[in-house]
């Protein structure tokens, strides 16, 4: 099962409405045809003339979480030794 954040527009009694909700889908959404079950699921909840504006997958359930970075806060590109202050620029600051 895949969990999505879906924003959509719909026809309300006072005009056009925009809303969002969490939707669980059986398959990964990769084409516009895959949105038909999601649209019908939203319509069954009482919304009329639903048009999906955007959607986003919360997380991939098949993703292996054991291969994450063991040191997530280690970024040696910025300052290789955080205890030593950077050398001052002899030309001064540029704006």
C-alpha atoms as a PDB file:
ATOM      1  CA  UNK A   1       0.000   0.000   0.000  1.00  0.00           C
ATOM      2  CA  UNK A   2       1.204   3.495  -0.843  1.00  0.00           C
ATOM      3  CA  UNK A   3       0.236   6.567   1.135  1.00  0.00           C
ATOM      4  CA  UNK A   4      -0.160   9.889  -0.662  1.00  0.00           C
ATOM      5  CA  UNK A   5      -0.854  13.499   0.239  1.00  0.00           C
ATOM      6  CA  UNK A   6      -3.408  14.648  -2.342  1.00  0.00           C
ATOM      7  CA  UNK A   7      -4.670  18.176  -2.981  1.00  0.00           C
ATOM      8  CA  UNK A   8      -7.749  18.608  -5.130  1.00  0.00           C
ATOM      9  CA  UNK A   9     -10.447  21.034  -6.184  1.00  0.00           C
ATOM     10  CA  UNK A  10     -14.152  20.266  -6.025  1.00  0.00           C
ATOM     11  CA  UNK A  11     -17.537  21.843  -6.650  1.00  0.00           C
ATOM     12  CA  UNK A  12     -19.247  22.993  -3.466  1.00  0.00           C
ATOM     13  CA  UNK A  13     -22.572  24.707  -2.813  1.00  0.00           C
ATOM     14  CA  UNK A  14     -20.824  28.069  -2.516  1.00  0.00           C
ATOM     15  CA  UNK A  15     -18.569  27.641  -5.564  1.00  0.00           C
ATOM     16  CA  UNK A  16     -15.135  26.149  -6.030  1.00  0.00           C
ATOM     17  CA  UNK A  17     -13.413  24.521  -3.072  1.00  0.00           C
ATOM     18  CA  UNK A  18      -9.876  23.289  -2.538  1.00  0.00           C
ATOM     19  CA  UNK A  19      -8.939  20.615  -0.024  1.00  0.00           C
ATOM     20  CA  UNK A  20      -6.297  18.011   0.736  1.00  0.00           C
ATOM     21  CA  UNK A  21      -6.219  14.663   2.471  1.00  0.00           C
ATOM     22  CA  UNK A  22      -4.255  11.459   2.935  1.00  0.00           C
ATOM     23  CA  UNK A  23      -5.057   8.709   0.449  1.00  0.00           C
ATOM     24  CA  UNK A  24      -3.921   5.099   0.509  1.00  0.00           C
ATOM     25  CA  UNK A  25      -3.519   3.480  -2.913  1.00  0.00           C
ATOM     26  CA  UNK A  26      -2.859  -0.152  -3.793  1.00  0.00           C
ATOM     27  CA  UNK A  27      -0.394   0.697  -6.553  1.00  0.00           C
ATOM     28  CA  UNK A  28       2.262   3.301  -7.173  1.00  0.00           C
ATOM     29  CA  UNK A  29       0.902   6.281  -9.113  1.00  0.00           C
ATOM     30  CA  UNK A  30       2.990   6.772 -12.230  1.00  0.00           C
ATOM     31  CA  UNK A  31       0.514   7.868 -14.935  1.00  0.00           C
ATOM     32  CA  UNK A  32      -2.660   9.938 -15.125  1.00  0.00           C
ATOM     33  CA  UNK A  33      -4.658   6.716 -15.524  1.00  0.00           C
ATOM     34  CA  UNK A  34      -3.517   5.642 -12.046  1.00  0.00           C
ATOM     35  CA  UNK A  35      -5.368   8.649 -10.574  1.00  0.00           C
ATOM     36  CA  UNK A  36      -8.831   7.305 -11.505  1.00  0.00           C
ATOM     37  CA  UNK A  37      -9.171   5.086  -8.395  1.00  0.00           C
ATOM     38  CA  UNK A  38      -7.984   7.955  -6.192  1.00  0.00           C
ATOM     39  CA  UNK A  39     -10.538  10.314  -7.752  1.00  0.00           C
ATOM     40  CA  UNK A  40     -13.342   7.794  -7.214  1.00  0.00           C
ATOM     41  CA  UNK A  41     -12.232   7.274  -3.616  1.00  0.00           C
ATOM     42  CA  UNK A  42     -12.461  11.027  -2.986  1.00  0.00           C
ATOM     43  CA  UNK A  43     -15.841  11.181  -4.752  1.00  0.00           C
ATOM     44  CA  UNK A  44     -17.172   8.416  -2.472  1.00  0.00           C
ATOM     45  CA  UNK A  45     -16.364  10.688   0.481  1.00  0.00           C
ATOM     46  CA  UNK A  46     -18.975  13.175  -0.757  1.00  0.00           C
ATOM     47  CA  UNK A  47     -17.003  15.600  -2.934  1.00  0.00           C
ATOM     48  CA  UNK A  48     -18.432  16.517  -6.362  1.00  0.00           C
ATOM     49  CA  UNK A  49     -16.542  17.167  -9.617  1.00  0.00           C
ATOM     50  CA  UNK A  50     -13.138  16.325  -8.176  1.00  0.00           C
ATOM     51  CA  UNK A  51      -9.989  17.447 -10.024  1.00  0.00           C
ATOM     52  CA  UNK A  52      -6.680  16.359  -8.512  1.00  0.00           C
ATOM     53  CA  UNK A  53      -4.242  19.270  -8.438  1.00  0.00           C
ATOM     54  CA  UNK A  54      -1.172  17.557  -6.974  1.00  0.00           C
ATOM     55  CA  UNK A  55      -0.076  14.488  -5.072  1.00  0.00           C
ATOM     56  CA  UNK A  56       3.025  13.408  -3.217  1.00  0.00           C
ATOM     57  CA  UNK A  57       4.157  10.018  -1.948  1.00  0.00           C
ATOM     58  CA  UNK A  58       4.837  10.142   1.794  1.00  0.00           C
ATOM     59  CA  UNK A  59       7.354   7.288   1.864  1.00  0.00           C
ATOM     60  CA  UNK A  60       8.301   4.293  -0.195  1.00  0.00           C
ATOM     61  CA  UNK A  61       7.288   1.226   1.864  1.00  0.00           C
ATOM     62  CA  UNK A  62       9.796  -0.962   0.019  1.00  0.00           C
ATOM     63  CA  UNK A  63      12.734   1.282   0.914  1.00  0.00           C
ATOM     64  CA  UNK A  64      15.456  -0.380   2.939  1.00  0.00           C
ATOM     65  CA  UNK A  65      16.071   1.794   5.997  1.00  0.00           C
ATOM     66  CA  UNK A  66      19.201  -0.119   7.044  1.00  0.00           C
ATOM     67  CA  UNK A  67      21.325   1.568   4.365  1.00  0.00           C
ATOM     68  CA  UNK A  68      20.977   5.067   5.787  1.00  0.00           C
ATOM     69  CA  UNK A  69      23.979   7.256   6.410  1.00  0.00           C
ATOM     70  CA  UNK A  70      25.455   6.181   9.779  1.00  0.00           C
ATOM     71  CA  UNK A  71      26.752   9.729  10.390  1.00  0.00           C
ATOM     72  CA  UNK A  72      23.993  12.007   9.012  1.00  0.00           C
ATOM     73  CA  UNK A  73      25.437  15.219  10.456  1.00  0.00           C
ATOM     74  CA  UNK A  74      28.928  14.694   9.080  1.00  0.00           C
ATOM     75  CA  UNK A  75      29.457  17.055   6.165  1.00  0.00           C
ATOM     76  CA  UNK A  76      33.158  17.482   5.489  1.00  0.00           C
ATOM     77  CA  UNK A  77      32.664  19.701   2.452  1.00  0.00           C
ATOM     78  CA  UNK A  78      31.851  22.789   4.512  1.00  0.00           C
ATOM     79  CA  UNK A  79      34.413  22.709   7.300  1.00  0.00           C
ATOM     80  CA  UNK A  80      36.661  19.652   7.652  1.00  0.00           C
ATOM     81  CA  UNK A  81      37.529  20.539  11.256  1.00  0.00           C
ATOM     82  CA  UNK A  82      34.765  22.463  13.045  1.00  0.00           C
ATOM     83  CA  UNK A  83      37.063  23.276  15.993  1.00  0.00           C
ATOM     84  CA  UNK A  84      39.406  25.426  13.891  1.00  0.00           C
ATOM     85  CA  UNK A  85      38.078  28.751  12.689  1.00  0.00           C
ATOM     86  CA  UNK A  86      38.537  29.504   8.985  1.00  0.00           C
ATOM     87  CA  UNK A  87      41.492  31.603   7.862  1.00  0.00           C
ATOM     88  CA  UNK A  88      40.654  35.275   7.435  1.00  0.00           C
ATOM     89  CA  UNK A  89      40.563  36.584   3.894  1.00  0.00           C
ATOM     90  CA  UNK A  90      43.516  38.964   3.350  1.00  0.00           C
ATOM     91  CA  UNK A  91      41.521  40.944   0.746  1.00  0.00           C
ATOM     92  CA  UNK A  92      38.735  41.748   3.165  1.00  0.00           C
ATOM     93  CA  UNK A  93      35.056  41.095   2.685  1.00  0.00           C
ATOM     94  CA  UNK A  94      33.414  41.477  -0.691  1.00  0.00           C
ATOM     95  CA  UNK A  95      29.809  42.447  -1.102  1.00  0.00           C
END
